Protein backbone atom coordinates (compact mmCIF):
# COMPACT_ATOMS: atom_id res chain seq x y z
CA LEU A 1 47.69 329.13 14.03
CA VAL A 2 44.94 330.85 12.03
CA THR A 3 45.68 331.84 8.45
CA LEU A 4 44.05 334.49 6.32
CA GLU A 5 42.51 331.71 4.21
CA ASP A 6 40.85 330.26 7.33
CA VAL A 7 39.33 333.64 8.18
CA VAL A 8 38.04 334.21 4.64
CA GLU A 9 36.61 330.65 4.48
CA GLU A 10 34.66 331.33 7.67
CA ILE A 11 33.08 334.35 5.99
CA VAL A 12 32.47 333.21 2.40
CA GLY A 13 32.74 329.41 2.53
CA GLU A 14 35.25 326.99 1.04
CA ILE A 15 38.04 328.42 -1.10
CA PHE A 16 40.21 326.26 -3.35
CA ASP A 17 43.69 327.28 -4.34
CA GLU A 18 46.73 325.76 -6.05
CA ASN A 19 47.94 324.28 -2.74
CA ASP A 20 44.83 322.15 -2.15
CA SER A 21 45.32 318.50 -3.09
CA LYS A 22 42.75 316.51 -5.05
CA GLU A 23 41.82 314.59 -1.88
CA GLU A 24 41.23 317.81 0.09
CA ILE A 25 38.99 319.18 -2.66
CA GLN A 26 37.00 315.92 -2.80
CA LYS A 27 36.64 315.92 0.98
CA LYS A 28 35.25 319.46 0.94
CA THR A 29 32.94 319.09 -2.07
CA GLY A 30 31.97 315.42 -1.95
CA TYR A 31 32.18 312.75 -4.60
CA ILE A 32 30.12 310.26 -6.59
CA VAL A 33 31.65 306.87 -7.46
CA MET A 34 29.90 304.44 -9.82
CA ARG A 35 30.37 300.95 -8.31
CA ALA A 36 28.33 299.04 -10.90
CA GLU A 37 25.64 299.74 -13.47
CA GLY A 38 23.08 301.86 -11.61
CA VAL A 39 24.92 301.68 -8.26
CA PHE A 40 26.56 304.86 -6.96
CA ASP A 41 28.39 305.53 -3.69
CA VAL A 42 27.87 309.19 -2.82
CA ASP A 43 29.56 311.33 -0.18
CA ALA A 44 26.98 313.19 1.90
CA ASN A 45 28.77 316.52 1.28
CA THR A 46 28.12 316.28 -2.47
CA SER A 47 25.99 319.11 -3.81
CA ILE A 48 22.46 318.24 -4.80
CA ASP A 49 23.07 319.78 -8.24
CA GLN A 50 26.00 317.43 -8.90
CA LEU A 51 23.89 314.45 -7.79
CA SER A 52 21.05 315.48 -10.12
CA GLU A 53 23.43 315.83 -13.04
CA ASP A 54 25.36 312.58 -12.49
CA LEU A 55 22.30 310.40 -11.78
CA ASN A 56 20.07 312.08 -14.41
CA ILE A 57 17.31 312.95 -11.93
CA LYS A 58 15.27 316.01 -10.95
CA MET A 59 15.02 316.97 -7.31
CA PRO A 60 11.56 317.76 -5.89
CA GLU A 61 10.50 321.39 -6.37
CA GLY A 62 11.03 323.76 -3.46
CA HIS A 63 13.58 321.62 -1.65
CA GLN A 64 15.28 323.17 1.38
CA TYR A 65 18.64 321.38 1.17
CA GLU A 66 21.90 321.91 -0.70
CA THR A 67 23.70 318.60 -0.06
CA VAL A 68 22.97 314.89 -0.33
CA SER A 69 22.95 314.72 3.47
CA GLY A 70 20.02 317.13 3.64
CA PHE A 71 18.18 315.24 0.90
CA VAL A 72 18.63 311.91 2.72
CA CYS A 73 17.47 313.33 6.05
CA GLU A 74 14.34 314.74 4.39
CA ALA A 75 13.63 311.43 2.62
CA PHE A 76 13.88 309.46 5.88
CA GLY A 77 12.27 312.13 8.04
CA TYR A 78 15.08 311.83 10.59
CA ILE A 79 18.86 311.31 10.66
CA PRO A 80 19.28 307.66 9.63
CA ARG A 81 21.94 305.36 11.04
CA THR A 82 24.38 303.13 9.16
CA GLY A 83 22.65 300.21 7.45
CA GLU A 84 19.18 301.74 7.20
CA SER A 85 17.59 301.92 3.76
CA ILE A 86 14.61 303.42 1.98
CA LYS A 87 13.22 303.27 -1.54
CA ILE A 88 12.40 306.54 -3.25
CA ASP A 89 10.84 307.59 -6.52
CA LEU A 90 12.54 310.46 -8.39
CA GLU A 91 11.65 312.08 -11.70
CA ARG A 92 14.07 311.57 -14.60
CA ASP A 93 15.79 314.60 -16.06
CA ASP A 94 15.28 313.95 -19.78
CA GLU A 95 15.38 317.42 -21.32
CA ASP A 96 17.69 316.19 -24.08
CA ASP A 97 15.62 313.07 -24.78
CA GLU A 98 12.28 314.91 -25.12
CA ASP A 99 13.16 316.13 -28.62
CA ASP A 100 14.15 312.60 -29.68
CA ASN A 101 10.87 311.07 -28.42
CA ASN A 102 8.52 313.27 -30.46
CA GLY A 103 8.12 310.60 -33.16
CA ASP A 104 5.02 308.36 -33.04
CA HIS A 105 7.02 305.18 -33.62
CA GLN A 106 8.88 305.39 -30.30
CA GLU A 107 7.45 304.23 -27.00
CA PRO A 108 7.63 306.79 -24.18
CA LYS A 109 10.38 306.06 -21.68
CA GLU A 110 9.70 305.59 -17.99
CA LYS A 111 9.53 309.09 -16.49
CA LYS A 112 10.80 308.07 -13.07
CA HIS A 113 13.82 306.40 -11.52
CA ILE A 114 13.31 304.28 -8.45
CA PHE A 115 16.32 304.21 -6.14
CA LYS A 116 17.14 302.27 -3.02
CA LEU A 117 19.11 304.51 -0.65
CA GLU A 118 21.32 302.70 1.84
CA ILE A 119 23.30 304.53 4.50
CA LEU A 120 26.92 303.36 4.25
CA ALA A 121 28.37 305.54 7.00
CA GLY A 122 26.89 307.84 9.58
CA ASN A 123 25.95 308.24 13.21
CA ALA A 124 23.24 309.84 15.32
CA ARG A 125 24.38 313.35 14.31
CA LYS A 126 25.10 313.09 10.58
CA VAL A 127 25.11 310.98 7.44
CA SER A 128 28.54 310.54 5.82
CA ALA A 129 28.07 308.24 2.82
CA VAL A 130 25.05 306.89 0.92
CA ARG A 131 24.60 304.22 -1.76
CA PHE A 132 22.09 305.03 -4.51
CA GLU A 133 21.01 301.83 -6.27
CA ARG A 134 18.70 302.18 -9.28
CA LEU A 135 16.07 299.43 -9.31
CA ASN A 136 15.61 298.06 -12.81
CA THR A 137 13.70 294.79 -12.69
CA VAL A 138 9.91 294.76 -12.86
CA ASP A 139 9.63 292.97 -9.50
CA GLU A 140 11.86 295.53 -7.77
CA MET A 141 9.90 298.41 -9.31
CA LEU A 142 6.54 296.93 -8.29
CA GLU A 143 7.82 296.38 -4.75
CA ALA A 144 9.13 299.95 -4.62
CA LYS A 145 5.81 301.36 -5.87
CA GLU A 146 4.19 299.78 -2.83
CA VAL A 147 6.68 301.44 -0.47
CA THR A 148 7.04 305.21 -0.71
CA ARG A 149 7.35 308.46 -2.60
CA MET A 150 9.79 310.40 -0.39
CA PHE A 151 8.31 309.12 2.89
CA PRO A 152 10.38 307.22 5.48
CA LYS A 153 10.35 303.45 5.67
CA ILE A 154 9.93 302.33 9.28
CA VAL A 155 12.63 299.89 10.31
CA LYS A 156 12.39 298.11 13.63
CA ARG A 157 15.75 298.10 15.39
CA LYS A 158 17.26 296.82 18.59
CA TRP A 159 19.46 299.71 19.68
CA ASN A 160 21.70 297.63 21.96
CA SER A 161 22.67 294.98 19.40
CA GLY A 162 22.30 297.02 16.20
CA GLU A 163 20.48 294.16 14.42
CA ASP A 164 17.04 294.33 12.83
CA SER A 165 14.36 292.82 15.00
CA GLU A 166 12.27 289.91 13.83
CA ASP A 167 9.05 291.07 12.18
CA ASP A 168 6.44 288.89 13.87
CA GLY A 169 3.56 291.16 12.91
CA GLU A 170 3.42 292.87 16.30
CA TYR A 171 3.72 296.63 16.46
CA ASP A 172 6.73 297.75 18.45
CA GLY A 173 5.76 301.28 19.40
CA TYR A 174 8.99 301.82 21.32
CA ALA A 175 11.36 300.87 18.46
CA PHE A 176 12.63 304.42 18.00
CA VAL A 177 12.18 305.54 21.61
CA LYS A 178 14.56 302.99 23.13
CA ARG A 179 18.11 304.24 23.48
CA PRO A 180 21.36 302.63 24.55
CA GLN A 181 21.56 302.11 28.29
CA GLU A 182 24.64 304.35 28.51
CA ASP A 183 22.62 307.39 27.36
CA ILE A 184 22.94 309.94 30.18
CA SER A 185 20.31 312.35 28.87
CA ASN A 186 17.65 309.64 28.92
CA GLU A 187 18.39 308.89 32.60
CA TYR A 188 18.19 312.61 33.39
CA VAL A 189 14.70 312.81 31.91
CA VAL A 190 13.57 309.77 33.91
CA ASP A 191 15.02 311.23 37.14
CA GLN A 192 13.38 314.60 36.43
CA GLU A 193 9.99 312.92 35.84
CA ASN A 194 10.34 310.92 39.08
CA SER A 195 11.19 314.03 41.09
CA LEU A 196 8.15 315.85 39.66
CA ARG A 197 5.89 312.94 40.60
CA ASN A 198 7.29 312.81 44.16
CA SER A 199 6.69 316.52 44.82
């Protein structure tokens, strides 16, 4: 059964009316839940504008995404899986505080927030939920400054077990190439390569 609302939503996007419950609206627009001081669980469907406002951050200029999911995929450089994490450096949005800091007696505040992004839920096709954890201690900030400014952190993984591999200093060039043994498309590529070699 297709309703008129379904047809209009296909054309113009989500429409909210008096019959939509609070849960349905949250599911469609995303949510941000503060778990502790500086720790936020964010639905990947949340708009990037809402994230900027709630976390007091500015998004990089010229971004090509509208949701947190797009932001996370750009930060990692690929679609991350559950449990992966990265540390990013984002500019604070202190338009209101700039007027207050004009006095000479006040020290300038840190202009950046450093966040650890951890994927709470997702799969090979999409990210569903992300934890944003603001790093506050000097040690955490120094460690994060050594890591990245919106570039992916390489994590070695064993695809079959889902656990991080031991970092013994050796480079594992196949860490992201290996796939589960049940992957049909990978077998097809191998068979196609073998048939090309045989001919």
